[in-house]
Amino acid sequence: MTLFAAKVRGQIFLLTLVLAAGCAPPPGAGNADQGARYLAAGKSRVQRQDFEGARAAFEQALQNSPNLPEAHHELAMLFDNESQLNSPAKALYHYLRVLEIQPDFRWSDMITNRLNAVKMRLAYDSHPRIPSPAIEHEISRLENDLARLSAELKRLTAENTELKTRLALSAVSNPATPAFQTTRQAPEAVVQQPVQAATPVRAEVRTPEPPAARGYVTYQFQKNDTLYSLGRRHGVDWKEIQAANPDLDARSIQPGTIIRIPVK
């Protein structure tokens, strides 16, 4: 009787365990509501274009409910969008997880199409792009045009700078006259000897007129200038420039030196 009672009590205990196991919630069921809340929060952040915040919310939803296909689907769309998180490899993973968890997911057809598109993106990104000969020729032509235009821009900039410098120097040296206006010295008056009445008439004596003085322009010596190049530029002999600047040593003129250049 005692043995029979013990068997009965054992069977009752096992039945109690089975019933308890059947009534207990499945593993993770207590976190399902929390996962749904994170899923809703992530969708709200997507609408506000807070994509990193949405990603964090969806990943938190998966931590609470790992088999939540909607969370995988939302993450896949974020990673599949080039203007959002843009990661084809991660998008591929989450699309596959949706179909693995729930093959009859309500957007399974769309997911299948996106899987093919993502695979093509991954294949395209993993292979180097080889341009066609026509594209290479066009690129070469554009590079040559760019180099030519850059050189032309430098030349024009240098000419513009030199012109501004010359105009500024001319305005300083001749403030009341136009730039580069030639200034000439007036010839001396003719001196005549008076004729005395008591002396024999003599021929009028005139002093010779000095040659008309030449005008000058001032110039600021630039790097790579020489007296010879300045003479050619202004149409005078370099020796005339040297004569107009007697204190100037032609072999050691420093850039910025102000010199005088004769004008014909």
Protein backbone atom coordinates (compact mmCIF):
# COMPACT_ATOMS: atom_id res chain seq x y z
CA MET A 1 0.00 0.00 0.00
CA THR A 2 2.82 2.27 0.77
CA LEU A 3 4.55 1.48 -2.54
CA PHE A 4 1.34 2.09 -4.49
CA ALA A 5 0.81 5.43 -2.74
CA ALA A 6 4.33 6.47 -3.57
CA LYS A 7 3.77 5.67 -7.27
CA VAL A 8 0.55 7.64 -7.31
CA ARG A 9 2.20 10.63 -5.68
CA GLY A 10 5.03 10.44 -8.24
CA GLN A 11 2.61 10.39 -11.17
CA ILE A 12 0.71 13.35 -9.73
CA PHE A 13 3.98 15.26 -9.38
CA LEU A 14 4.96 14.58 -13.00
CA LEU A 15 1.50 15.59 -14.20
CA THR A 16 1.81 18.80 -12.22
CA LEU A 17 5.14 19.54 -13.89
CA VAL A 18 3.67 18.92 -17.35
CA LEU A 19 0.71 21.18 -16.66
CA ALA A 20 2.98 23.84 -15.26
CA ALA A 21 5.18 23.67 -18.33
CA GLY A 22 2.16 23.94 -20.60
CA CYS A 23 0.79 26.96 -18.79
CA ALA A 24 4.11 28.80 -18.53
CA PRO A 25 4.77 31.49 -21.17
CA PRO A 26 7.21 30.55 -23.96
CA PRO A 27 10.82 31.75 -23.66
CA GLY A 28 11.10 35.42 -24.59
CA ALA A 29 7.34 35.96 -24.51
CA GLY A 30 7.73 38.44 -21.68
CA ASN A 31 9.91 40.61 -23.96
CA ALA A 32 7.60 40.57 -26.99
CA ASP A 33 5.70 43.65 -25.85
CA GLN A 34 8.96 45.46 -25.24
CA GLY A 35 10.15 44.52 -28.73
CA ALA A 36 6.92 45.86 -30.23
CA ARG A 37 7.40 49.16 -28.40
CA TYR A 38 10.94 49.53 -29.75
CA LEU A 39 9.65 48.66 -33.24
CA ALA A 40 7.06 51.44 -33.04
CA ALA A 41 9.68 53.88 -31.75
CA GLY A 42 11.99 53.01 -34.65
CA LYS A 43 9.26 53.64 -37.24
CA SER A 44 8.56 57.01 -35.65
CA ARG A 45 12.22 57.97 -35.90
CA VAL A 46 12.30 56.95 -39.57
CA GLN A 47 9.46 59.40 -40.21
CA ARG A 48 11.53 62.11 -38.50
CA GLN A 49 14.52 61.07 -40.66
CA ASP A 50 16.51 60.12 -37.56
CA PHE A 51 17.94 57.04 -39.27
CA GLU A 52 20.65 56.26 -36.72
CA GLY A 53 18.11 56.53 -33.92
CA ALA A 54 15.73 54.27 -35.85
CA ARG A 55 18.49 51.73 -36.32
CA ALA A 56 19.21 51.67 -32.59
CA ALA A 57 15.50 51.19 -31.81
CA PHE A 58 15.07 48.32 -34.29
CA GLU A 59 18.19 46.58 -32.98
CA GLN A 60 16.86 46.96 -29.44
CA ALA A 61 13.60 45.39 -30.60
CA LEU A 62 15.56 42.39 -31.91
CA GLN A 63 17.39 42.07 -28.60
CA ASN A 64 14.04 41.71 -26.87
CA SER A 65 12.43 39.64 -29.64
CA PRO A 66 15.10 38.09 -31.93
CA ASN A 67 12.55 36.50 -34.29
CA LEU A 68 10.62 39.69 -34.99
CA PRO A 69 10.49 39.80 -38.82
CA GLU A 70 9.20 43.39 -38.93
CA ALA A 71 12.33 44.65 -37.16
CA HIS A 72 14.60 42.82 -39.63
CA HIS A 73 12.54 44.21 -42.51
CA GLU A 74 12.81 47.79 -41.23
CA LEU A 75 16.58 47.45 -40.80
CA ALA A 76 16.91 45.94 -44.27
CA MET A 77 15.12 48.91 -45.84
CA LEU A 78 17.33 51.37 -43.93
CA PHE A 79 20.51 49.66 -45.12
CA ASP A 80 19.13 49.26 -48.67
CA ASN A 81 18.52 53.01 -49.09
CA GLU A 82 21.55 54.91 -50.40
CA SER A 83 20.30 58.16 -48.85
CA GLN A 84 19.89 56.59 -45.41
CA LEU A 85 22.32 54.00 -43.95
CA ASN A 86 23.45 52.52 -47.31
CA SER A 87 25.00 49.14 -46.53
CA PRO A 88 24.03 46.52 -49.16
CA ALA A 89 25.68 43.67 -47.24
CA LYS A 90 23.69 44.38 -44.06
CA ALA A 91 20.52 44.86 -46.10
CA LEU A 92 21.05 41.43 -47.65
CA TYR A 93 21.46 39.83 -44.21
CA HIS A 94 18.25 41.30 -42.80
CA TYR A 95 16.20 40.49 -45.93
CA LEU A 96 17.31 36.86 -45.67
CA ARG A 97 16.48 36.77 -41.96
CA VAL A 98 12.90 37.94 -42.70
CA LEU A 99 12.34 35.08 -45.16
CA GLU A 100 14.03 32.61 -42.83
CA ILE A 101 11.83 33.56 -39.87
CA GLN A 102 8.59 33.95 -41.84
CA PRO A 103 8.65 32.72 -45.48
CA ASP A 104 5.08 33.96 -46.06
CA PHE A 105 5.84 37.47 -44.80
CA ARG A 106 3.35 39.94 -46.25
CA TRP A 107 6.05 41.71 -48.30
CA SER A 108 7.93 38.58 -49.30
CA ASP A 109 7.59 39.28 -53.06
CA MET A 110 9.06 42.73 -52.64
CA ILE A 111 11.85 41.30 -50.49
CA THR A 112 12.70 38.76 -53.21
CA ASN A 113 13.01 41.56 -55.77
CA ARG A 114 15.14 43.66 -53.44
CA LEU A 115 17.39 40.68 -52.73
CA ASN A 116 18.24 40.45 -56.44
CA ALA A 117 18.90 44.20 -56.63
CA VAL A 118 21.12 44.13 -53.55
CA LYS A 119 23.11 41.19 -54.91
CA MET A 120 23.70 43.12 -58.15
CA ARG A 121 24.91 46.14 -56.16
CA LEU A 122 27.32 43.99 -54.20
CA ALA A 123 28.65 42.36 -57.38
CA TYR A 124 29.05 45.76 -59.06
CA ASP A 125 30.86 47.28 -56.06
CA SER A 126 33.23 44.32 -55.74
CA HIS A 127 34.56 44.57 -59.33
CA PRO A 128 36.69 47.46 -60.62
CA ARG A 129 35.06 49.69 -63.19
CA ILE A 130 36.92 49.55 -66.52
CA PRO A 131 36.14 52.66 -68.60
CA SER A 132 35.68 52.30 -72.33
CA PRO A 133 38.26 53.77 -74.76
CA ALA A 134 35.82 56.54 -75.65
CA ILE A 135 35.47 57.53 -72.00
CA GLU A 136 39.26 57.40 -71.51
CA HIS A 137 39.73 59.65 -74.55
CA GLU A 138 37.18 62.14 -73.24
CA ILE A 139 38.82 62.17 -69.81
CA SER A 140 42.23 62.81 -71.40
CA ARG A 141 40.82 65.64 -73.50
CA LEU A 142 39.21 67.27 -70.48
CA GLU A 143 42.45 67.00 -68.50
CA ASN A 144 44.37 68.69 -71.34
CA ASP A 145 41.78 71.45 -71.57
CA LEU A 146 42.00 71.97 -67.83
CA ALA A 147 45.81 72.26 -67.96
CA ARG A 148 45.63 74.73 -70.87
CA LEU A 149 43.03 76.89 -69.14
CA SER A 150 45.03 76.86 -65.91
CA ALA A 151 48.15 78.08 -67.74
CA GLU A 152 46.16 80.79 -69.51
CA LEU A 153 44.66 81.92 -66.20
CA LYS A 154 48.12 82.18 -64.62
CA ARG A 155 49.41 84.23 -67.56
CA LEU A 156 46.48 86.65 -67.48
CA THR A 157 46.76 86.99 -63.71
CA ALA A 158 50.47 87.87 -63.99
CA GLU A 159 49.80 90.44 -66.71
CA ASN A 160 46.99 91.98 -64.68
CA THR A 161 49.20 92.23 -61.60
CA GLU A 162 52.01 93.87 -63.56
CA LEU A 163 49.63 96.39 -65.12
CA LYS A 164 48.17 97.32 -61.74
CA THR A 165 51.68 97.80 -60.33
CA ARG A 166 52.74 100.06 -63.19
CA LEU A 167 49.58 102.14 -62.92
CA ALA A 168 50.02 102.53 -59.18
CA LEU A 169 53.66 103.62 -59.55
CA SER A 170 52.74 106.07 -62.29
CA ALA A 171 49.99 107.60 -60.16
CA VAL A 172 52.44 108.08 -57.26
CA SER A 173 55.21 109.64 -59.37
CA ASN A 174 52.88 111.86 -61.47
CA PRO A 175 49.79 112.59 -59.35
CA ALA A 176 48.66 115.60 -61.46
CA THR A 177 49.19 114.03 -64.88
CA PRO A 178 47.81 110.95 -66.58
CA ALA A 179 49.74 107.70 -66.17
CA PHE A 180 53.01 107.56 -68.14
CA GLN A 181 52.60 111.17 -69.41
CA THR A 182 55.93 112.45 -70.72
CA THR A 183 57.34 115.51 -68.95
CA ARG A 184 59.75 117.71 -70.87
CA GLN A 185 61.85 120.61 -69.73
CA ALA A 186 61.19 123.97 -71.39
CA PRO A 187 64.10 125.22 -73.57
CA GLU A 188 66.09 128.11 -72.20
CA ALA A 189 65.30 131.56 -73.57
CA VAL A 190 67.54 132.95 -76.32
CA VAL A 191 70.08 135.49 -74.98
CA GLN A 192 70.80 138.42 -77.32
CA GLN A 193 73.66 140.92 -76.90
CA PRO A 194 72.43 144.55 -77.09
CA VAL A 195 73.87 146.71 -79.90
CA GLN A 196 75.76 149.79 -78.70
CA ALA A 197 75.18 152.93 -80.78
CA ALA A 198 78.81 154.17 -80.55
CA THR A 199 80.38 151.01 -81.79
CA PRO A 200 80.40 149.53 -85.22
CA VAL A 201 77.50 147.33 -86.01
CA ARG A 202 78.36 143.74 -85.29
CA ALA A 203 76.54 140.59 -86.14
CA GLU A 204 74.00 139.48 -83.59
CA VAL A 205 75.51 136.97 -81.23
CA ARG A 206 73.26 134.07 -80.20
CA THR A 207 74.07 131.35 -77.76
CA PRO A 208 73.37 127.88 -79.15
CA GLU A 209 70.12 126.32 -77.98
CA PRO A 210 70.62 123.18 -75.92
CA PRO A 211 68.97 120.06 -77.26
CA ALA A 212 65.44 119.50 -76.02
CA ALA A 213 65.43 117.48 -72.83
CA ARG A 214 63.97 114.02 -73.05
CA GLY A 215 61.12 112.88 -70.87
CA TYR A 216 61.14 109.88 -68.60
CA VAL A 217 58.74 107.40 -67.11
CA THR A 218 59.34 105.68 -63.81
CA TYR A 219 59.23 101.92 -63.56
CA GLN A 220 59.48 99.45 -60.69
CA PHE A 221 62.05 96.80 -61.51
CA GLN A 222 60.52 93.31 -61.52
CA LYS A 223 62.01 89.86 -61.06
CA ASN A 224 63.63 88.56 -64.29
CA ASP A 225 63.79 92.11 -65.75
CA THR A 226 67.01 93.31 -67.43
CA LEU A 227 67.97 96.67 -68.87
CA TYR A 228 68.09 95.02 -72.27
CA SER A 229 64.55 93.60 -71.98
CA LEU A 230 63.24 96.94 -70.69
CA GLY A 231 64.92 98.76 -73.58
CA ARG A 232 63.27 96.46 -76.11
CA ARG A 233 59.92 96.86 -74.37
CA HIS A 234 60.09 100.68 -74.37
CA GLY A 235 61.88 101.12 -77.71
CA VAL A 236 65.13 102.57 -76.36
CA ASP A 237 68.70 101.37 -76.10
CA TRP A 238 69.59 99.81 -72.78
CA LYS A 239 72.60 102.15 -72.57
CA GLU A 240 70.19 105.10 -72.55
CA ILE A 241 68.43 103.57 -69.56
CA GLN A 242 71.81 103.14 -67.87
CA ALA A 243 72.66 106.78 -68.63
CA ALA A 244 69.34 107.94 -67.18
CA ASN A 245 70.19 106.09 -63.97
CA PRO A 246 73.92 106.79 -63.43
CA ASP A 247 73.93 105.43 -59.88
CA LEU A 248 72.43 102.12 -60.97
CA ASP A 249 74.53 98.95 -61.15
CA ALA A 250 72.94 96.92 -63.93
CA ARG A 251 74.35 93.67 -62.51
CA SER A 252 72.74 93.97 -59.09
CA ILE A 253 69.36 95.64 -59.53
CA GLN A 254 66.95 94.37 -56.90
CA PRO A 255 63.24 93.79 -57.64
CA GLY A 256 61.23 96.80 -56.48
CA THR A 257 63.91 99.35 -57.42
CA ILE A 258 62.42 102.46 -59.05
CA ILE A 259 64.27 103.43 -62.25
CA ARG A 260 63.77 106.04 -64.96
CA ILE A 261 63.25 105.01 -68.58
CA PRO A 262 63.76 107.60 -71.37
CA VAL A 263 60.83 108.20 -73.67
CA LYS A 264 61.30 109.08 -77.32
